[in-house]
Amino acid sequence: GALPALVAALTACAGIAALALALAR
């Protein structure tokens, strides 16, 4: 279904945001 893909996209987005915050510090 589309739900796993949606969850994967949200997880990737959160991971990228966390990486950006880590690099910004």
PDB file of N, CA and C in Angstrom:
ATOM      1  N   GLY A   1       0.830  -1.209   0.000  1.00  0.00           N
ATOM      2  CA  GLY A   1       0.000   0.000   0.000  1.00  0.00           C
ATOM      3  C   GLY A   1       0.861   1.255   0.000  1.00  0.00           C
ATOM      4  N   ALA A   2       0.202   2.382   0.102  1.00  0.00           N
ATOM      5  CA  ALA A   2       0.925   3.660   0.068  1.00  0.00           C
ATOM      6  C   ALA A   2       1.439   4.057   1.447  1.00  0.00           C
ATOM      7  N   LEU A   3       0.883   3.450   2.501  1.00  0.00           N
ATOM      8  CA  LEU A   3       1.281   3.844   3.855  1.00  0.00           C
ATOM      9  C   LEU A   3       2.760   3.592   4.146  1.00  0.00           C
ATOM     10  N   PRO A   4       3.304   2.416   3.849  1.00  0.00           N
ATOM     11  CA  PRO A   4       4.739   2.190   4.103  1.00  0.00           C
ATOM     12  C   PRO A   4       5.617   3.190   3.358  1.00  0.00           C
ATOM     13  N   ALA A   5       5.254   3.524   2.134  1.00  0.00           N
ATOM     14  CA  ALA A   5       6.034   4.490   1.360  1.00  0.00           C
ATOM     15  C   ALA A   5       5.963   5.863   2.026  1.00  0.00           C
ATOM     16  N   LEU A   6       4.784   6.209   2.535  1.00  0.00           N
ATOM     17  CA  LEU A   6       4.608   7.495   3.202  1.00  0.00           C
ATOM     18  C   LEU A   6       5.452   7.542   4.471  1.00  0.00           C
ATOM     19  N   VAL A   7       5.418   6.454   5.238  1.00  0.00           N
ATOM     20  CA  VAL A   7       6.212   6.387   6.469  1.00  0.00           C
ATOM     21  C   VAL A   7       7.698   6.473   6.146  1.00  0.00           C
ATOM     22  N   ALA A   8       8.119   5.801   5.077  1.00  0.00           N
ATOM     23  CA  ALA A   8       9.527   5.837   4.682  1.00  0.00           C
ATOM     24  C   ALA A   8       9.928   7.254   4.285  1.00  0.00           C
ATOM     25  N   ALA A   9       9.058   7.954   3.584  1.00  0.00           N
ATOM     26  CA  ALA A   9       9.358   9.323   3.166  1.00  0.00           C
ATOM     27  C   ALA A   9       9.470  10.239   4.389  1.00  0.00           C
ATOM     28  N   LEU A  10       8.546  10.059   5.349  1.00  0.00           N
ATOM     29  CA  LEU A  10       8.594  10.887   6.556  1.00  0.00           C
ATOM     30  C   LEU A  10       9.847  10.592   7.366  1.00  0.00           C
ATOM     31  N   THR A  11      10.227   9.315   7.437  1.00  0.00           N
ATOM     32  CA  THR A  11      11.433   8.937   8.169  1.00  0.00           C
ATOM     33  C   THR A  11      12.665   9.541   7.513  1.00  0.00           C
ATOM     34  N   ALA A  12      12.722   9.473   6.190  1.00  0.00           N
ATOM     35  CA  ALA A  12      13.863  10.042   5.467  1.00  0.00           C
ATOM     36  C   ALA A  12      13.925  11.546   5.691  1.00  0.00           C
ATOM     37  N   CYS A  13      12.764  12.193   5.665  1.00  0.00           N
ATOM     38  CA  CYS A  13      12.720  13.641   5.870  1.00  0.00           C
ATOM     39  C   CYS A  13      13.219  13.989   7.266  1.00  0.00           C
ATOM     40  N   ALA A  14      12.775  13.225   8.252  1.00  0.00           N
ATOM     41  CA  ALA A  14      13.205  13.484   9.629  1.00  0.00           C
ATOM     42  C   ALA A  14      14.704  13.233   9.773  1.00  0.00           C
ATOM     43  N   GLY A  15      15.197  12.201   9.110  1.00  0.00           N
ATOM     44  CA  GLY A  15      16.617  11.881   9.179  1.00  0.00           C
ATOM     45  C   GLY A  15      17.459  12.999   8.562  1.00  0.00           C
ATOM     46  N   ILE A  16      17.009  13.519   7.421  1.00  0.00           N
ATOM     47  CA  ILE A  16      17.730  14.609   6.763  1.00  0.00           C
ATOM     48  C   ILE A  16      17.704  15.857   7.636  1.00  0.00           C
ATOM     49  N   ALA A  17      16.564  16.124   8.264  1.00  0.00           N
ATOM     50  CA  ALA A  17      16.460  17.303   9.134  1.00  0.00           C
ATOM     51  C   ALA A  17      17.398  17.151  10.332  1.00  0.00           C
ATOM     52  N   ALA A  18      17.464  15.946  10.907  1.00  0.00           N
ATOM     53  CA  ALA A  18      18.351  15.711  12.048  1.00  0.00           C
ATOM     54  C   ALA A  18      19.807  15.864  11.626  1.00  0.00           C
ATOM     55  N   LEU A  19      20.140  15.370  10.440  1.00  0.00           N
ATOM     56  CA  LEU A  19      21.507  15.491   9.941  1.00  0.00           C
ATOM     57  C   LEU A  19      21.864  16.957   9.720  1.00  0.00           C
ATOM     58  N   ALA A  20      20.931  17.727   9.163  1.00  0.00           N
ATOM     59  CA  ALA A  20      21.180  19.145   8.928  1.00  0.00           C
ATOM     60  C   ALA A  20      21.391  19.884  10.254  1.00  0.00           C
ATOM     61  N   LEU A  21      20.585  19.540  11.256  1.00  0.00           N
ATOM     62  CA  LEU A  21      20.740  20.189  12.561  1.00  0.00           C
ATOM     63  C   LEU A  21      22.093  19.819  13.177  1.00  0.00           C
ATOM     64  N   ALA A  22      22.486  18.552  13.013  1.00  0.00           N
ATOM     65  CA  ALA A  22      23.767  18.110  13.567  1.00  0.00           C
ATOM     66  C   ALA A  22      24.923  18.836  12.879  1.00  0.00           C
ATOM     67  N   LEU A  23      24.811  19.029  11.566  1.00  0.00           N
ATOM     68  CA  LEU A  23      25.880  19.703  10.829  1.00  0.00           C
ATOM     69  C   LEU A  23      25.909  21.192  11.127  1.00  0.00           C
ATOM     70  N   ALA A  24      24.755  21.762  11.443  1.00  0.00           N
ATOM     71  CA  ALA A  24      24.679  23.200  11.685  1.00  0.00           C
ATOM     72  C   ALA A  24      25.351  23.568  13.006  1.00  0.00           C
ATOM     73  N   ARG A  25      25.436  22.584  13.928  1.00  0.00           N
ATOM     74  CA  ARG A  25      26.034  22.876  15.233  1.00  0.00           C
ATOM     75  C   ARG A  25      27.548  22.834  15.150  1.00  0.00           C
TER      76      ARG A  25
END
